[in-house]
N, C-alpha and C. Protein backbone atom coordinates (compact mmCIF):
# COMPACT_ATOMS: atom_id res chain seq x y z
N MET A 1 -13.20 71.75 -13.27
CA MET A 1 -12.70 73.33 -12.61
C MET A 1 -12.05 73.26 -11.36
N ASP A 2 -10.92 73.98 -11.34
CA ASP A 2 -10.05 74.04 -10.50
C ASP A 2 -10.72 74.02 -8.81
N LEU A 3 -10.18 73.86 -7.92
CA LEU A 3 -10.56 73.80 -6.83
C LEU A 3 -10.31 75.52 -6.17
N LYS A 4 -9.53 75.84 -6.36
CA LYS A 4 -9.31 77.45 -6.12
C LYS A 4 -10.45 78.08 -6.95
N VAL A 5 -10.53 77.79 -7.64
CA VAL A 5 -12.18 78.92 -8.40
C VAL A 5 -13.15 78.78 -7.41
N VAL A 6 -13.73 77.24 -7.33
CA VAL A 6 -14.56 77.10 -6.68
C VAL A 6 -14.55 77.75 -5.22
N VAL A 7 -13.29 77.64 -4.37
CA VAL A 7 -13.47 78.29 -3.44
C VAL A 7 -13.96 80.01 -3.68
N LEU A 8 -13.45 80.47 -4.25
CA LEU A 8 -13.35 81.69 -4.50
C LEU A 8 -15.01 82.45 -4.92
N CYS A 9 -15.07 81.12 -5.64
CA CYS A 9 -16.88 82.04 -5.87
C CYS A 9 -18.10 81.69 -4.82
N VAL A 10 -17.62 80.71 -4.18
CA VAL A 10 -18.26 80.42 -2.79
C VAL A 10 -17.83 81.55 -2.06
N CYS A 11 -16.78 82.25 -2.04
CA CYS A 11 -16.40 83.53 -0.60
C CYS A 11 -17.01 84.56 -1.26
N LEU A 12 -17.11 84.87 -2.91
CA LEU A 12 -17.35 85.96 -3.12
C LEU A 12 -18.90 85.83 -3.33
N CYS A 13 -19.92 84.85 -3.33
CA CYS A 13 -21.52 84.20 -2.93
C CYS A 13 -21.61 84.62 -1.69
N THR A 14 -20.86 84.45 -0.66
CA THR A 14 -21.27 84.76 1.06
C THR A 14 -21.16 86.09 1.07
N LEU A 15 -20.39 86.46 0.52
CA LEU A 15 -19.67 88.25 0.43
C LEU A 15 -21.16 88.90 0.07
N ALA A 16 -21.50 88.88 -1.44
CA ALA A 16 -22.68 89.31 -1.54
C ALA A 16 -24.03 88.98 -0.77
N ILE A 17 -24.38 87.99 -0.14
CA ILE A 17 -25.26 87.68 0.43
C ILE A 17 -25.61 88.11 1.94
N THR A 18 -24.29 88.37 2.65
CA THR A 18 -24.28 89.11 3.81
C THR A 18 -24.26 90.65 3.66
N SER A 19 -24.02 91.10 2.38
CA SER A 19 -24.02 92.59 2.69
C SER A 19 -25.26 92.90 2.00
N ILE A 20 -26.08 91.87 1.24
CA ILE A 20 -27.59 92.93 0.74
C ILE A 20 -28.52 92.56 1.98
N GLU A 21 -27.84 91.33 3.13
CA GLU A 21 -28.80 91.54 4.48
C GLU A 21 -28.85 92.76 5.36
N ALA A 22 -27.11 93.17 5.16
CA ALA A 22 -27.30 94.24 6.16
C ALA A 22 -27.88 95.62 5.20
N GLY A 23 -28.41 95.64 4.18
CA GLY A 23 -29.03 96.71 3.65
C GLY A 23 -30.51 96.48 3.92
N ILE A 24 -30.75 95.51 4.50
CA ILE A 24 -32.43 95.90 4.38
C ILE A 24 -32.63 95.86 5.70
N PRO A 25 -33.72 96.85 5.98
CA PRO A 25 -34.32 97.41 7.22
C PRO A 25 -34.98 96.64 7.92
N ARG A 26 -35.03 96.70 9.12
CA ARG A 26 -36.24 95.87 9.78
C ARG A 26 -36.98 97.03 10.15
N CYS A 27 -38.15 96.87 9.79
CA CYS A 27 -39.80 97.54 9.99
C CYS A 27 -40.36 97.14 10.73
N CYS A 28 -41.33 97.72 11.61
CA CYS A 28 -42.35 97.43 12.09
C CYS A 28 -43.49 97.67 10.94
N VAL A 29 -44.49 96.30 11.12
CA VAL A 29 -45.66 96.74 9.87
C VAL A 29 -46.72 96.42 10.81
N ILE A 30 -46.62 96.27 11.73
CA ILE A 30 -47.77 96.73 12.61
C ILE A 30 -47.57 96.74 13.82
N THR A 31 -48.40 97.49 14.85
CA THR A 31 -48.30 98.23 16.05
C THR A 31 -48.88 97.23 16.74
N SER A 32 -48.66 97.44 18.30
CA SER A 32 -50.09 96.99 19.39
C SER A 32 -50.27 97.80 20.50
N ASN A 33 -51.12 98.17 20.76
CA ASN A 33 -51.70 99.33 21.81
C ASN A 33 -51.79 98.38 22.99
N ASN A 34 -51.73 96.63 23.11
CA ASN A 34 -51.95 96.20 23.95
C ASN A 34 -50.80 95.76 24.86
N ILE A 35 -49.93 96.43 25.35
CA ILE A 35 -48.87 95.88 25.76
C ILE A 35 -48.69 95.91 27.70
N SER A 36 -48.69 95.18 28.08
CA SER A 36 -48.99 94.83 29.90
C SER A 36 -48.47 96.15 30.62
N LEU A 37 -48.21 96.46 31.70
CA LEU A 37 -47.43 97.19 32.32
C LEU A 37 -46.17 96.41 32.69
N ARG A 38 -46.51 95.01 33.20
CA ARG A 38 -45.03 94.84 33.44
C ARG A 38 -44.02 94.24 32.37
N VAL A 39 -44.58 94.22 31.31
CA VAL A 39 -43.81 94.64 30.01
C VAL A 39 -43.14 95.68 29.82
N LEU A 40 -43.72 96.84 30.16
CA LEU A 40 -43.36 98.28 29.93
C LEU A 40 -42.43 98.43 30.93
N GLU A 41 -42.59 98.04 32.14
CA GLU A 41 -41.39 98.13 33.23
C GLU A 41 -40.13 97.70 32.58
N LYS A 42 -40.10 96.46 31.89
CA LYS A 42 -38.95 95.78 31.80
C LYS A 42 -37.94 95.98 30.12
N VAL A 43 -38.52 97.61 29.86
CA VAL A 43 -38.22 97.72 28.59
C VAL A 43 -36.68 98.52 28.66
N GLU A 44 -35.56 98.12 28.17
CA GLU A 44 -34.41 98.77 28.68
C GLU A 44 -34.27 99.66 27.85
N ARG A 45 -34.69 99.58 26.12
CA ARG A 45 -34.30 100.80 25.41
C ARG A 45 -35.50 101.09 24.43
N TRP A 46 -35.41 101.82 23.92
CA TRP A 46 -36.76 102.12 22.82
C TRP A 46 -36.16 103.11 21.57
N ALA A 47 -36.83 103.06 20.34
CA ALA A 47 -36.28 103.76 19.31
C ALA A 47 -37.57 104.23 18.95
N VAL A 48 -38.04 105.26 18.04
CA VAL A 48 -38.60 105.65 17.00
C VAL A 48 -38.64 105.58 15.99
N GLN A 49 -39.43 104.51 15.50
CA GLN A 49 -39.23 104.41 13.73
C GLN A 49 -40.50 105.31 12.91
N GLN A 50 -39.77 105.79 12.30
CA GLN A 50 -40.45 107.08 11.06
C GLN A 50 -41.13 106.74 10.04
N SER A 51 -41.86 107.08 9.90
CA SER A 51 -43.10 106.30 8.40
C SER A 51 -42.38 107.45 7.50
N SER A 52 -41.23 108.11 7.35
CA SER A 52 -40.76 108.82 6.30
C SER A 52 -39.75 108.34 5.82
N GLY A 53 -39.12 107.31 6.32
CA GLY A 53 -37.53 106.76 5.96
C GLY A 53 -37.84 105.32 5.30
N ALA A 54 -37.27 104.14 5.50
CA ALA A 54 -37.65 102.98 4.73
C ALA A 54 -39.04 102.44 5.10
N CYS A 55 -39.30 102.75 5.94
CA CYS A 55 -40.25 101.88 6.78
C CYS A 55 -41.84 102.71 6.20
N ASP A 56 -42.88 102.03 6.32
CA ASP A 56 -44.03 102.47 6.02
C ASP A 56 -44.76 103.16 7.02
N ILE A 57 -44.78 102.66 8.17
CA ILE A 57 -45.97 103.11 9.43
C ILE A 57 -44.87 103.85 10.64
N LYS A 58 -45.03 104.63 11.54
CA LYS A 58 -44.20 105.17 12.28
C LYS A 58 -44.89 104.28 13.81
N ALA A 59 -43.80 103.74 14.47
CA ALA A 59 -44.14 102.47 15.54
C ALA A 59 -43.17 103.15 16.72
N LEU A 60 -43.38 102.89 17.68
CA LEU A 60 -42.34 102.73 18.93
C LEU A 60 -41.43 101.14 18.90
N VAL A 61 -40.54 101.34 19.16
CA VAL A 61 -39.95 99.96 18.65
C VAL A 61 -38.91 99.60 20.37
N LEU A 62 -39.90 98.71 20.98
CA LEU A 62 -39.32 98.81 22.48
C LEU A 62 -38.58 96.93 22.41
N HIS A 63 -37.29 97.70 23.12
CA HIS A 63 -36.23 96.61 23.65
C HIS A 63 -37.02 95.99 24.66
N VAL A 64 -37.18 94.81 24.80
CA VAL A 64 -37.81 94.08 26.41
C VAL A 64 -36.23 93.43 27.34
N ARG A 65 -35.81 93.68 28.23
CA ARG A 65 -34.95 92.93 28.97
C ARG A 65 -35.45 91.50 28.79
N GLY A 66 -34.92 90.42 28.27
CA GLY A 66 -35.37 88.64 28.10
C GLY A 66 -35.70 88.35 26.72
N TRP A 67 -36.11 89.21 26.27
CA TRP A 67 -36.80 89.39 24.93
C TRP A 67 -35.81 89.30 23.73
N ARG A 68 -35.96 88.17 22.86
CA ARG A 68 -34.88 88.54 21.34
C ARG A 68 -35.30 89.35 20.58
N LYS A 69 -36.57 89.51 20.33
CA LYS A 69 -37.05 90.08 19.15
C LYS A 69 -37.34 91.66 20.41
N PRO A 70 -37.86 92.98 19.34
CA PRO A 70 -38.48 93.73 20.03
C PRO A 70 -39.67 94.07 19.60
N ILE A 71 -40.39 94.93 20.23
CA ILE A 71 -42.05 94.56 20.29
C ILE A 71 -42.54 95.77 19.41
N CYS A 72 -43.17 95.82 18.40
CA CYS A 72 -43.70 97.13 17.79
C CYS A 72 -44.66 97.82 18.50
N ALA A 73 -44.63 98.97 19.06
CA ALA A 73 -45.79 99.43 19.95
C ALA A 73 -46.51 100.89 19.35
N HIS A 74 -47.75 101.11 19.32
CA HIS A 74 -48.15 102.36 19.19
C HIS A 74 -47.35 103.38 19.41
N PRO A 75 -47.07 104.48 18.89
CA PRO A 75 -46.13 105.71 19.11
C PRO A 75 -46.79 106.43 20.55
N LYS A 76 -48.22 106.32 20.49
CA LYS A 76 -48.62 106.82 21.52
C LYS A 76 -48.49 106.26 22.84
N LEU A 77 -48.29 105.22 22.94
CA LEU A 77 -47.16 104.25 24.29
C LEU A 77 -46.21 104.83 24.91
N LYS A 78 -45.53 105.60 23.95
CA LYS A 78 -44.36 106.41 24.40
C LYS A 78 -44.73 107.34 25.76
N ARG A 79 -45.49 108.00 25.81
CA ARG A 79 -46.04 108.66 27.10
C ARG A 79 -46.44 108.20 28.25
N GLU A 80 -46.77 106.70 27.96
CA GLU A 80 -47.17 106.00 29.48
C GLU A 80 -45.70 105.37 29.71
N LEU A 81 -45.20 104.88 28.61
CA LEU A 81 -43.37 104.35 28.92
C LEU A 81 -42.81 105.50 29.75
N MET A 82 -42.72 106.52 29.29
CA MET A 82 -42.18 107.91 30.24
C MET A 82 -42.68 107.74 31.67
N ARG A 83 -43.99 107.98 31.67
CA ARG A 83 -44.57 108.21 32.94
C ARG A 83 -43.92 106.76 33.70
N ILE A 84 -44.09 105.29 33.29
CA ILE A 84 -43.67 104.54 34.10
C ILE A 84 -42.09 104.49 34.83
N ARG A 85 -40.92 104.94 33.48
CA ARG A 85 -39.83 105.23 34.19
C ARG A 85 -39.73 106.19 34.91
N MET A 86 -40.56 107.49 34.79
CA MET A 86 -40.62 108.29 36.39
C MET A 86 -40.65 107.69 37.07
N LYS A 87 -41.57 107.06 37.25
CA LYS A 87 -42.55 106.50 39.06
C LYS A 87 -41.03 105.38 39.11
N MET A 88 -40.60 104.95 38.22
CA MET A 88 -39.53 103.69 39.02
C MET A 88 -38.46 104.61 39.18
N LYS A 89 -37.82 105.68 38.72
CA LYS A 89 -36.55 106.34 38.89
C LYS A 89 -36.92 107.04 40.45
N GLN A 90 -37.89 107.65 40.72
CA GLN A 90 -38.67 108.22 41.95
C GLN A 90 -38.83 107.19 43.18
N ASN A 91 -39.03 105.66 42.86
CA ASN A 91 -39.01 104.74 44.04
C ASN A 91 -37.40 104.80 43.91
N LYS A 92 -36.62 104.58 43.09
CA LYS A 92 -35.23 104.20 43.17
C LYS A 92 -34.51 105.33 43.89
N GLN A 93 -35.00 106.35 44.38
CA GLN A 93 -34.19 107.89 44.91
C GLN A 93 -34.80 107.52 46.13
N LYS A 94 -35.95 107.00 46.38
CA LYS A 94 -36.84 106.89 47.96
C LYS A 94 -35.85 105.82 48.26
N ALA A 95 -35.75 104.95 47.59
CA ALA A 95 -35.23 103.42 48.46
C ALA A 95 -33.65 103.99 48.95
N THR A 96 -33.20 104.96 47.90
CA THR A 96 -31.63 105.15 48.65
C THR A 96 -31.38 105.98 49.99
N TYR A 97 -32.69 106.96 50.13
CA TYR A 97 -32.53 107.68 51.35
C TYR A 97 -32.46 106.98 52.12
């Protein structure tokens, strides 16, 4: 077999594999209710996973500072997370006065 044909086949296979991986959504399979306050204070951003899309359950996806993988939390923890964020914001404002 010609070397150019082999290189072309390898390139096409690599392209096909990377495009397939990009099309598969990352979903939370289970959620956790037991997340410590320290971890919730380190949350940089979050997203709500809806059960109506490609994923089966509703979840709160938390991206924590210093962690590689996000945490899948129960959606009810969003209220607690918002309360912590408000306290942190108020403390930051008090510190600037």
